[in-house]
Amino acid sequence: MILLAQYLKANRIGLLVWTLAHMTLILMVAASATAIETQTDYLFRAFSEWMPRGLQSFLGLAPGMSKIDSYIQAKTGALLSLTLPIYATLLAAGVVTREVDSGTADFLLALPTRRRDIMLSRWVGMCLNLAALAVTSWGAVVLGLKAKGLTGSFYGYFWMCINWFLLAVAIGSINLAASVWIDDYSSGVRILLAVVVGLFFVDLGMRIADLPYAARFFNPFSHYDPAYAIKNGGMPAGSVLTLLFMSAASLIVAVKKFDEKQIET
């Protein structure tokens, strides 16, 4: 618990900045939703007719969604599907790579605790930070719409945020495992962020090409389906299990490799 508390304290300013930025952006989006409610459905139908089904789901233009739901998803869902994994990547890179690069790893290793406990406490801290950001983002959507007297699928938005969270945890865990092999923090952050952004656009390109879900299965971003979450108030069981498996497998690798890592002090 001491290690977890220390990690949360060290990252509280970063979490506050990210939370305020997300809440400000989402409140602005929700505040402008009034104009969408008064528009006709023609614009949404015109856009969705020529889009592949996977891209419709990603952008919130899938059939059966209200104009408000489509607008919230198009403005927040697509954006946060990338920003939360980016935040997770920055947190993951700071667990091992930043400590080694800054020369403070020897202090951590001198503590009377096992390496795996250090890694697990940092991973739990990363998950708590991501959960806080996801929940406050959902709260901002609900608050913004209610302030304007609008009604949306609030329960569906909650599940969209759960989908964000599970996606971010999976990507953060994968990058945590990868970061064990990287000792240079600045280079490691650039590499990991490039991979995350690359995977995002690869999945987006495959959605545009209307490739089947099975062809995108091994890309974590393929398991992000906000339209399904909003319409059905849940997530496909396969996506939940896959993201959890990615997270668990990556954490096991990270713990094992950190136990074996030779760190020069």
C-alpha atoms as a PDB file:
ATOM      1  CA  MET A   1       0.000   0.000   0.000  1.00  0.00           C
ATOM      2  CA  ILE A   2       2.904   2.349   0.726  1.00  0.00           C
ATOM      3  CA  LEU A   3       4.314   1.832  -2.766  1.00  0.00           C
ATOM      4  CA  LEU A   4       0.887   2.413  -4.313  1.00  0.00           C
ATOM      5  CA  ALA A   5       0.317   5.573  -2.278  1.00  0.00           C
ATOM      6  CA  GLN A   6       3.759   6.867  -3.269  1.00  0.00           C
ATOM      7  CA  TYR A   7       3.030   6.248  -6.945  1.00  0.00           C
ATOM      8  CA  LEU A   8      -0.367   7.939  -6.814  1.00  0.00           C
ATOM      9  CA  LYS A   9       1.113  10.935  -5.015  1.00  0.00           C
ATOM     10  CA  ALA A  10       3.897  11.256  -7.581  1.00  0.00           C
ATOM     11  CA  ASN A  11       1.387  11.285 -10.456  1.00  0.00           C
ATOM     12  CA  ARG A  12      -1.369  13.397  -8.903  1.00  0.00           C
ATOM     13  CA  ILE A  13      -0.428  16.593 -10.767  1.00  0.00           C
ATOM     14  CA  GLY A  14      -0.386  14.822 -14.112  1.00  0.00           C
ATOM     15  CA  LEU A  15      -3.748  13.224 -13.397  1.00  0.00           C
ATOM     16  CA  LEU A  16      -5.200  16.585 -12.398  1.00  0.00           C
ATOM     17  CA  VAL A  17      -3.991  18.230 -15.615  1.00  0.00           C
ATOM     18  CA  TRP A  18      -5.329  15.429 -17.816  1.00  0.00           C
ATOM     19  CA  THR A  19      -8.643  15.363 -15.939  1.00  0.00           C
ATOM     20  CA  LEU A  20      -9.189  19.109 -16.200  1.00  0.00           C
ATOM     21  CA  ALA A  21      -8.284  19.084 -19.896  1.00  0.00           C
ATOM     22  CA  HIS A  22     -10.682  16.221 -20.635  1.00  0.00           C
ATOM     23  CA  MET A  23     -13.514  17.672 -18.583  1.00  0.00           C
ATOM     24  CA  THR A  24     -13.132  21.100 -20.189  1.00  0.00           C
ATOM     25  CA  LEU A  25     -13.167  19.630 -23.680  1.00  0.00           C
ATOM     26  CA  ILE A  26     -16.115  17.341 -22.994  1.00  0.00           C
ATOM     27  CA  LEU A  27     -18.148  20.081 -21.312  1.00  0.00           C
ATOM     28  CA  MET A  28     -17.585  22.275 -24.366  1.00  0.00           C
ATOM     29  CA  VAL A  29     -18.730  19.453 -26.640  1.00  0.00           C
ATOM     30  CA  ALA A  30     -21.822  18.766 -24.534  1.00  0.00           C
ATOM     31  CA  ALA A  31     -22.657  22.467 -24.369  1.00  0.00           C
ATOM     32  CA  SER A  32     -22.778  22.659 -28.157  1.00  0.00           C
ATOM     33  CA  ALA A  33     -25.048  19.616 -28.485  1.00  0.00           C
ATOM     34  CA  THR A  34     -28.179  21.792 -28.421  1.00  0.00           C
ATOM     35  CA  ALA A  35     -27.712  22.751 -32.069  1.00  0.00           C
ATOM     36  CA  ILE A  36     -27.450  19.097 -33.086  1.00  0.00           C
ATOM     37  CA  GLU A  37     -30.841  18.247 -31.586  1.00  0.00           C
ATOM     38  CA  THR A  38     -32.583  20.767 -33.828  1.00  0.00           C
ATOM     39  CA  GLN A  39     -30.998  19.505 -37.046  1.00  0.00           C
ATOM     40  CA  THR A  40     -32.679  17.052 -39.350  1.00  0.00           C
ATOM     41  CA  ASP A  41     -31.509  13.477 -39.675  1.00  0.00           C
ATOM     42  CA  TYR A  42     -30.513  13.987 -43.311  1.00  0.00           C
ATOM     43  CA  LEU A  43     -26.901  14.918 -42.541  1.00  0.00           C
ATOM     44  CA  PHE A  44     -26.344  11.837 -40.402  1.00  0.00           C
ATOM     45  CA  ARG A  45     -27.963   9.553 -42.969  1.00  0.00           C
ATOM     46  CA  ALA A  46     -25.948  11.082 -45.802  1.00  0.00           C
ATOM     47  CA  PHE A  47     -22.672  10.489 -43.976  1.00  0.00           C
ATOM     48  CA  SER A  48     -23.497   6.983 -42.807  1.00  0.00           C
ATOM     49  CA  GLU A  49     -24.735   5.654 -46.152  1.00  0.00           C
ATOM     50  CA  TRP A  50     -21.288   5.514 -47.759  1.00  0.00           C
ATOM     51  CA  MET A  51     -19.270   4.548 -44.667  1.00  0.00           C
ATOM     52  CA  PRO A  52     -18.221   0.958 -43.905  1.00  0.00           C
ATOM     53  CA  ARG A  53     -19.945  -0.548 -40.888  1.00  0.00           C
ATOM     54  CA  GLY A  54     -16.776  -0.589 -38.767  1.00  0.00           C
ATOM     55  CA  LEU A  55     -16.158   3.102 -39.409  1.00  0.00           C
ATOM     56  CA  GLN A  56     -19.813   3.931 -38.701  1.00  0.00           C
ATOM     57  CA  SER A  57     -19.473   2.292 -35.301  1.00  0.00           C
ATOM     58  CA  PHE A  58     -16.239   4.120 -34.548  1.00  0.00           C
ATOM     59  CA  LEU A  59     -17.552   7.558 -35.531  1.00  0.00           C
ATOM     60  CA  GLY A  60     -20.975   7.192 -33.956  1.00  0.00           C
ATOM     61  CA  LEU A  61     -22.928   7.122 -37.209  1.00  0.00           C
ATOM     62  CA  ALA A  62     -24.270   3.611 -36.820  1.00  0.00           C
ATOM     63  CA  PRO A  63     -27.985   3.117 -37.534  1.00  0.00           C
ATOM     64  CA  GLY A  64     -30.268   3.214 -34.517  1.00  0.00           C
ATOM     65  CA  MET A  65     -28.422   5.911 -32.583  1.00  0.00           C
ATOM     66  CA  SER A  66     -30.078   9.212 -31.728  1.00  0.00           C
ATOM     67  CA  LYS A  67     -28.597  12.480 -32.961  1.00  0.00           C
ATOM     68  CA  ILE A  68     -27.364  13.355 -29.468  1.00  0.00           C
ATOM     69  CA  ASP A  69     -25.752   9.936 -28.996  1.00  0.00           C
ATOM     70  CA  SER A  70     -24.142  10.116 -32.433  1.00  0.00           C
ATOM     71  CA  TYR A  71     -22.822  13.592 -31.727  1.00  0.00           C
ATOM     72  CA  ILE A  72     -21.366  12.673 -28.323  1.00  0.00           C
ATOM     73  CA  GLN A  73     -19.709   9.597 -29.769  1.00  0.00           C
ATOM     74  CA  ALA A  74     -18.345  11.388 -32.825  1.00  0.00           C
ATOM     75  CA  LYS A  75     -16.902  14.236 -30.745  1.00  0.00           C
ATOM     76  CA  THR A  76     -15.706  12.410 -27.629  1.00  0.00           C
ATOM     77  CA  GLY A  77     -15.558   8.686 -28.337  1.00  0.00           C
ATOM     78  CA  ALA A  78     -13.163   8.887 -31.258  1.00  0.00           C
ATOM     79  CA  LEU A  79     -10.923  11.408 -29.496  1.00  0.00           C
ATOM     80  CA  LEU A  80     -10.689   9.648 -26.140  1.00  0.00           C
ATOM     81  CA  SER A  81     -10.066   6.291 -27.791  1.00  0.00           C
ATOM     82  CA  LEU A  82      -6.614   7.724 -28.555  1.00  0.00           C
ATOM     83  CA  THR A  83      -5.980  10.147 -25.689  1.00  0.00           C
ATOM     84  CA  LEU A  84      -6.585   7.595 -22.920  1.00  0.00           C
ATOM     85  CA  PRO A  85      -4.128   5.079 -24.444  1.00  0.00           C
ATOM     86  CA  ILE A  86      -1.610   7.920 -24.846  1.00  0.00           C
ATOM     87  CA  TYR A  87      -1.980   8.765 -21.158  1.00  0.00           C
ATOM     88  CA  ALA A  88      -1.626   5.061 -20.313  1.00  0.00           C
ATOM     89  CA  THR A  89       1.559   4.926 -22.380  1.00  0.00           C
ATOM     90  CA  LEU A  90       3.073   7.878 -20.529  1.00  0.00           C
ATOM     91  CA  LEU A  91       2.226   6.240 -17.207  1.00  0.00           C
ATOM     92  CA  ALA A  92       3.657   2.899 -18.325  1.00  0.00           C
ATOM     93  CA  ALA A  93       6.896   4.460 -19.527  1.00  0.00           C
ATOM     94  CA  GLY A  94       7.363   6.096 -16.143  1.00  0.00           C
ATOM     95  CA  VAL A  95       7.157   2.831 -14.200  1.00  0.00           C
ATOM     96  CA  VAL A  96      10.565   1.388 -15.116  1.00  0.00           C
ATOM     97  CA  THR A  97      12.186   3.365 -17.914  1.00  0.00           C
ATOM     98  CA  ARG A  98      12.033   6.773 -16.233  1.00  0.00           C
ATOM     99  CA  GLU A  99      13.356   5.366 -12.952  1.00  0.00           C
ATOM    100  CA  VAL A 100      16.297   3.693 -14.694  1.00  0.00           C
ATOM    101  CA  ASP A 101      17.064   6.692 -16.893  1.00  0.00           C
ATOM    102  CA  SER A 102      16.947   9.158 -13.989  1.00  0.00           C
ATOM    103  CA  GLY A 103      19.108   6.981 -11.759  1.00  0.00           C
ATOM    104  CA  THR A 104      16.481   6.535  -9.032  1.00  0.00           C
ATOM    105  CA  ALA A 105      15.940   2.834  -9.690  1.00  0.00           C
ATOM    106  CA  ASP A 106      18.639   1.923  -7.154  1.00  0.00           C
ATOM    107  CA  PHE A 107      16.574   3.558  -4.420  1.00  0.00           C
ATOM    108  CA  LEU A 108      13.517   1.511  -5.352  1.00  0.00           C
ATOM    109  CA  LEU A 109      15.508  -1.705  -5.504  1.00  0.00           C
ATOM    110  CA  ALA A 110      17.041  -0.959  -2.095  1.00  0.00           C
ATOM    111  CA  LEU A 111      13.607  -1.026  -0.477  1.00  0.00           C
ATOM    112  CA  PRO A 112      12.793  -4.168   1.549  1.00  0.00           C
ATOM    113  CA  THR A 113      10.260  -5.428  -0.971  1.00  0.00           C
ATOM    114  CA  ARG A 114      10.208  -7.737  -3.942  1.00  0.00           C
ATOM    115  CA  ARG A 115      10.523  -6.406  -7.464  1.00  0.00           C
ATOM    116  CA  ARG A 116       7.206  -7.931  -8.421  1.00  0.00           C
ATOM    117  CA  ASP A 117       5.510  -5.983  -5.636  1.00  0.00           C
ATOM    118  CA  ILE A 118       6.970  -2.766  -7.038  1.00  0.00           C
ATOM    119  CA  MET A 119       5.724  -3.618 -10.522  1.00  0.00           C
ATOM    120  CA  LEU A 120       2.275  -4.688  -9.341  1.00  0.00           C
ATOM    121  CA  SER A 121       1.795  -1.568  -7.222  1.00  0.00           C
ATOM    122  CA  ARG A 122       2.750   0.639 -10.166  1.00  0.00           C
ATOM    123  CA  TRP A 123       0.385  -1.260 -12.470  1.00  0.00           C
ATOM    124  CA  VAL A 124      -2.496  -0.891  -9.997  1.00  0.00           C
ATOM    125  CA  GLY A 125      -1.671   2.812  -9.722  1.00  0.00           C
ATOM    126  CA  MET A 126      -1.800   3.141 -13.506  1.00  0.00           C
ATOM    127  CA  CYS A 127      -5.214   1.447 -13.557  1.00  0.00           C
ATOM    128  CA  LEU A 128      -6.549   3.736 -10.827  1.00  0.00           C
ATOM    129  CA  ASN A 129      -5.376   6.830 -12.709  1.00  0.00           C
ATOM    130  CA  LEU A 130      -7.033   5.607 -15.904  1.00  0.00           C
ATOM    131  CA  ALA A 131     -10.230   4.715 -14.039  1.00  0.00           C
ATOM    132  CA  ALA A 132     -10.377   8.190 -12.507  1.00  0.00           C
ATOM    133  CA  LEU A 133      -9.958   9.800 -15.917  1.00  0.00           C
ATOM    134  CA  ALA A 134     -12.615   7.576 -17.506  1.00  0.00           C
ATOM    135  CA  VAL A 135     -15.170   8.161 -14.734  1.00  0.00           C
ATOM    136  CA  THR A 136     -14.673  11.937 -14.672  1.00  0.00           C
ATOM    137  CA  SER A 137     -15.008  12.003 -18.464  1.00  0.00           C
ATOM    138  CA  TRP A 138     -18.350  10.217 -18.188  1.00  0.00           C
ATOM    139  CA  GLY A 139     -19.423  12.609 -15.453  1.00  0.00           C
ATOM    140  CA  ALA A 140     -18.529  15.573 -17.650  1.00  0.00           C
ATOM    141  CA  VAL A 141     -20.689  14.225 -20.493  1.00  0.00           C
ATOM    142  CA  VAL A 142     -23.679  13.719 -18.190  1.00  0.00           C
ATOM    143  CA  LEU A 143     -23.223  17.075 -16.465  1.00  0.00           C
ATOM    144  CA  GLY A 144     -22.814  18.951 -19.744  1.00  0.00           C
ATOM    145  CA  LEU A 145     -25.930  17.468 -21.334  1.00  0.00           C
ATOM    146  CA  LYS A 146     -28.107  17.878 -18.247  1.00  0.00           C
ATOM    147  CA  ALA A 147     -26.986  21.488 -17.885  1.00  0.00           C
ATOM    148  CA  LYS A 148     -28.444  22.094 -21.352  1.00  0.00           C
ATOM    149  CA  GLY A 149     -31.628  20.181 -20.582  1.00  0.00           C
ATOM    150  CA  LEU A 150     -30.700  17.370 -22.981  1.00  0.00           C
ATOM    151  CA  THR A 151     -31.136  13.648 -22.513  1.00  0.00           C
ATOM    152  CA  GLY A 152     -28.814  11.022 -23.883  1.00  0.00           C
ATOM    153  CA  SER A 153     -28.010   7.376 -23.269  1.00  0.00           C
ATOM    154  CA  PHE A 154     -26.206   8.074 -19.998  1.00  0.00           C
ATOM    155  CA  TYR A 155     -25.899   4.383 -19.140  1.00  0.00           C
ATOM    156  CA  GLY A 156     -24.540   3.724 -22.622  1.00  0.00           C
ATOM    157  CA  TYR A 157     -22.008   6.532 -22.196  1.00  0.00           C
ATOM    158  CA  PHE A 158     -20.865   4.856 -18.979  1.00  0.00           C
ATOM    159  CA  TRP A 159     -20.164   1.657 -20.878  1.00  0.00           C
ATOM    160  CA  MET A 160     -18.381   3.623 -23.571  1.00  0.00           C
ATOM    161  CA  CYS A 161     -16.088   4.891 -20.802  1.00  0.00           C
ATOM    162  CA  ILE A 162     -15.631   1.330 -19.533  1.00  0.00           C
ATOM    163  CA  ASN A 163     -14.554   0.409 -23.054  1.00  0.00           C
ATOM    164  CA  TRP A 164     -12.090   3.348 -23.024  1.00  0.00           C
ATOM    165  CA  PHE A 165     -10.742   2.169 -19.686  1.00  0.00           C
ATOM    166  CA  LEU A 166     -10.241  -1.473 -20.680  1.00  0.00           C
ATOM    167  CA  LEU A 167      -8.605  -0.431 -23.955  1.00  0.00           C
ATOM    168  CA  ALA A 168      -6.261   1.968 -22.156  1.00  0.00           C
ATOM    169  CA  VAL A 169      -5.337  -0.623 -19.517  1.00  0.00           C
ATOM    170  CA  ALA A 170      -4.546  -3.183 -22.215  1.00  0.00           C
ATOM    171  CA  ILE A 171      -2.352  -0.763 -24.158  1.00  0.00           C
ATOM    172  CA  GLY A 172      -0.734   0.531 -20.976  1.00  0.00           C
ATOM    173  CA  SER A 173       0.048  -3.033 -19.880  1.00  0.00           C
ATOM    174  CA  ILE A 174       1.528  -3.919 -23.264  1.00  0.00           C
ATOM    175  CA  ASN A 175       3.711  -0.822 -23.165  1.00  0.00           C
ATOM    176  CA  LEU A 176       4.673  -1.551 -19.569  1.00  0.00           C
ATOM    177  CA  ALA A 177       6.005  -4.927 -20.666  1.00  0.00           C
ATOM    178  CA  ALA A 178       7.817  -3.350 -23.620  1.00  0.00           C
ATOM    179  CA  SER A 179       9.335  -0.614 -21.453  1.00  0.00           C
ATOM    180  CA  VAL A 180      11.241  -3.154 -19.349  1.00  0.00           C
ATOM    181  CA  TRP A 181      13.637  -3.530 -22.273  1.00  0.00           C
ATOM    182  CA  ILE A 182      14.070   0.249 -22.716  1.00  0.00           C
ATOM    183  CA  ASP A 183      16.421   2.251 -20.490  1.00  0.00           C
ATOM    184  CA  ASP A 184      16.318   5.628 -22.252  1.00  0.00           C
ATOM    185  CA  TYR A 185      13.145   7.420 -21.177  1.00  0.00           C
ATOM    186  CA  SER A 186      12.877  10.062 -23.907  1.00  0.00           C
ATOM    187  CA  SER A 187      13.550   7.561 -26.691  1.00  0.00           C
ATOM    188  CA  GLY A 188      11.261   5.016 -25.074  1.00  0.00           C
ATOM    189  CA  VAL A 189       8.355   7.443 -24.857  1.00  0.00           C
ATOM    190  CA  ARG A 190       8.731   8.401 -28.514  1.00  0.00           C
ATOM    191  CA  ILE A 191       8.886   4.771 -29.607  1.00  0.00           C
ATOM    192  CA  LEU A 192       5.915   3.664 -27.515  1.00  0.00           C
ATOM    193  CA  LEU A 193       3.773   6.638 -28.526  1.00  0.00           C
ATOM    194  CA  ALA A 194       4.625   6.061 -32.190  1.00  0.00           C
ATOM    195  CA  VAL A 195       3.512   2.436 -31.872  1.00  0.00           C
ATOM    196  CA  VAL A 196       0.235   3.405 -30.166  1.00  0.00           C
ATOM    197  CA  VAL A 197      -0.619   6.085 -32.722  1.00  0.00           C
ATOM    198  CA  GLY A 198       0.400   3.695 -35.500  1.00  0.00           C
ATOM    199  CA  LEU A 199      -1.915   0.967 -34.199  1.00  0.00           C
ATOM    200  CA  PHE A 200      -4.733   3.504 -33.955  1.00  0.00           C
ATOM    201  CA  PHE A 201      -4.414   4.541 -37.587  1.00  0.00           C
ATOM    202  CA  VAL A 202      -3.872   0.969 -38.769  1.00  0.00           C
ATOM    203  CA  ASP A 203      -7.173  -0.005 -37.163  1.00  0.00           C
ATOM    204  CA  LEU A 204      -8.851   3.099 -38.572  1.00  0.00           C
ATOM    205  CA  GLY A 205      -7.556   2.251 -42.046  1.00  0.00           C
ATOM    206  CA  MET A 206      -8.791  -1.324 -41.745  1.00  0.00           C
ATOM    207  CA  ARG A 207     -12.209  -0.063 -40.673  1.00  0.00           C
ATOM    208  CA  ILE A 208     -12.301   2.253 -43.688  1.00  0.00           C
ATOM    209  CA  ALA A 209     -11.356  -0.710 -45.885  1.00  0.00           C
ATOM    210  CA  ASP A 210     -14.285  -2.576 -44.273  1.00  0.00           C
ATOM    211  CA  LEU A 211     -12.082  -5.497 -43.239  1.00  0.00           C
ATOM    212  CA  PRO A 212     -13.797  -7.999 -40.941  1.00  0.00           C
ATOM    213  CA  TYR A 213     -13.354  -7.930 -37.183  1.00  0.00           C
ATOM    214  CA  ALA A 214     -11.336 -11.158 -37.323  1.00  0.00           C
ATOM    215  CA  ALA A 215      -8.704  -9.465 -39.492  1.00  0.00           C
ATOM    216  CA  ARG A 216      -8.276  -6.723 -36.877  1.00  0.00           C
ATOM    217  CA  PHE A 217      -8.493  -8.983 -33.845  1.00  0.00           C
ATOM    218  CA  PHE A 218      -4.901  -8.667 -32.605  1.00  0.00           C
ATOM    219  CA  ASN A 219      -5.006  -4.869 -32.639  1.00  0.00           C
ATOM    220  CA  PRO A 220      -6.280  -3.622 -29.245  1.00  0.00           C
ATOM    221  CA  PHE A 221      -8.115  -0.744 -30.926  1.00  0.00           C
ATOM    222  CA  SER A 222     -10.301  -3.221 -32.816  1.00  0.00           C
ATOM    223  CA  HIS A 223     -12.003  -4.044 -29.509  1.00  0.00           C
ATOM    224  CA  TYR A 224     -13.236  -0.483 -29.085  1.00  0.00           C
ATOM    225  CA  ASP A 225     -16.882  -0.300 -30.199  1.00  0.00           C
ATOM    226  CA  PRO A 226     -18.543   2.774 -28.666  1.00  0.00           C
ATOM    227  CA  ALA A 227     -21.665   2.482 -30.806  1.00  0.00           C
ATOM    228  CA  TYR A 228     -22.339  -0.989 -29.397  1.00  0.00           C
ATOM    229  CA  ALA A 229     -21.741   0.286 -25.859  1.00  0.00           C
ATOM    230  CA  ILE A 230     -24.121   3.216 -26.268  1.00  0.00           C
ATOM    231  CA  LYS A 231     -26.876   1.276 -28.025  1.00  0.00           C
ATOM    232  CA  ASN A 232     -26.755  -1.860 -25.875  1.00  0.00           C
ATOM    233  CA  GLY A 233     -25.439  -0.609 -22.542  1.00  0.00           C
ATOM    234  CA  GLY A 234     -22.574  -3.072 -22.465  1.00  0.00           C
ATOM    235  CA  MET A 235     -19.641  -4.560 -24.345  1.00  0.00           C
ATOM    236  CA  PRO A 236     -19.302  -7.723 -26.433  1.00  0.00           C
ATOM    237  CA  ALA A 237     -18.054 -10.502 -24.159  1.00  0.00           C
ATOM    238  CA  GLY A 238     -15.322 -11.360 -26.645  1.00  0.00           C
ATOM    239  CA  SER A 239     -13.911  -7.844 -26.526  1.00  0.00           C
ATOM    240  CA  VAL A 240     -13.960  -7.740 -22.719  1.00  0.00           C
ATOM    241  CA  LEU A 241     -12.194 -11.089 -22.416  1.00  0.00           C
ATOM    242  CA  THR A 242      -9.641 -10.225 -25.093  1.00  0.00           C
ATOM    243  CA  LEU A 243      -8.701  -6.889 -23.528  1.00  0.00           C
ATOM    244  CA  LEU A 244      -8.464  -8.504 -20.086  1.00  0.00           C
ATOM    245  CA  PHE A 245      -6.289 -11.279 -21.507  1.00  0.00           C
ATOM    246  CA  MET A 246      -3.993  -8.751 -23.201  1.00  0.00           C
ATOM    247  CA  SER A 247      -3.648  -6.873 -19.918  1.00  0.00           C
ATOM    248  CA  ALA A 248      -3.011  -9.972 -17.807  1.00  0.00           C
ATOM    249  CA  ALA A 249      -0.546 -11.552 -20.231  1.00  0.00           C
ATOM    250  CA  SER A 250       1.396  -8.302 -20.604  1.00  0.00           C
ATOM    251  CA  LEU A 251       1.518  -7.803 -16.831  1.00  0.00           C
ATOM    252  CA  ILE A 252       2.871 -11.324 -16.340  1.00  0.00           C
ATOM    253  CA  VAL A 253       5.602 -10.647 -18.905  1.00  0.00           C
ATOM    254  CA  ALA A 254       6.421  -7.284 -17.305  1.00  0.00           C
ATOM    255  CA  VAL A 255       6.708  -8.776 -13.807  1.00  0.00           C
ATOM    256  CA  LYS A 256       8.830 -11.691 -14.999  1.00  0.00           C
ATOM    257  CA  LYS A 257      11.219  -9.575 -17.056  1.00  0.00           C
ATOM    258  CA  PHE A 258      11.534  -6.913 -14.353  1.00  0.00           C
ATOM    259  CA  ASP A 259      12.538  -9.657 -11.903  1.00  0.00           C
ATOM    260  CA  GLU A 260      15.300 -10.701 -14.309  1.00  0.00           C
ATOM    261  CA  LYS A 261      16.381  -7.225 -15.437  1.00  0.00           C
ATOM    262  CA  GLN A 262      19.949  -6.191 -14.736  1.00  0.00           C
ATOM    263  CA  ILE A 263      19.972  -2.541 -13.686  1.00  0.00           C
ATOM    264  CA  GLU A 264      23.205  -0.576 -13.504  1.00  0.00           C
ATOM    265  CA  THR A 265      23.259   1.683 -10.462  1.00  0.00           C
END
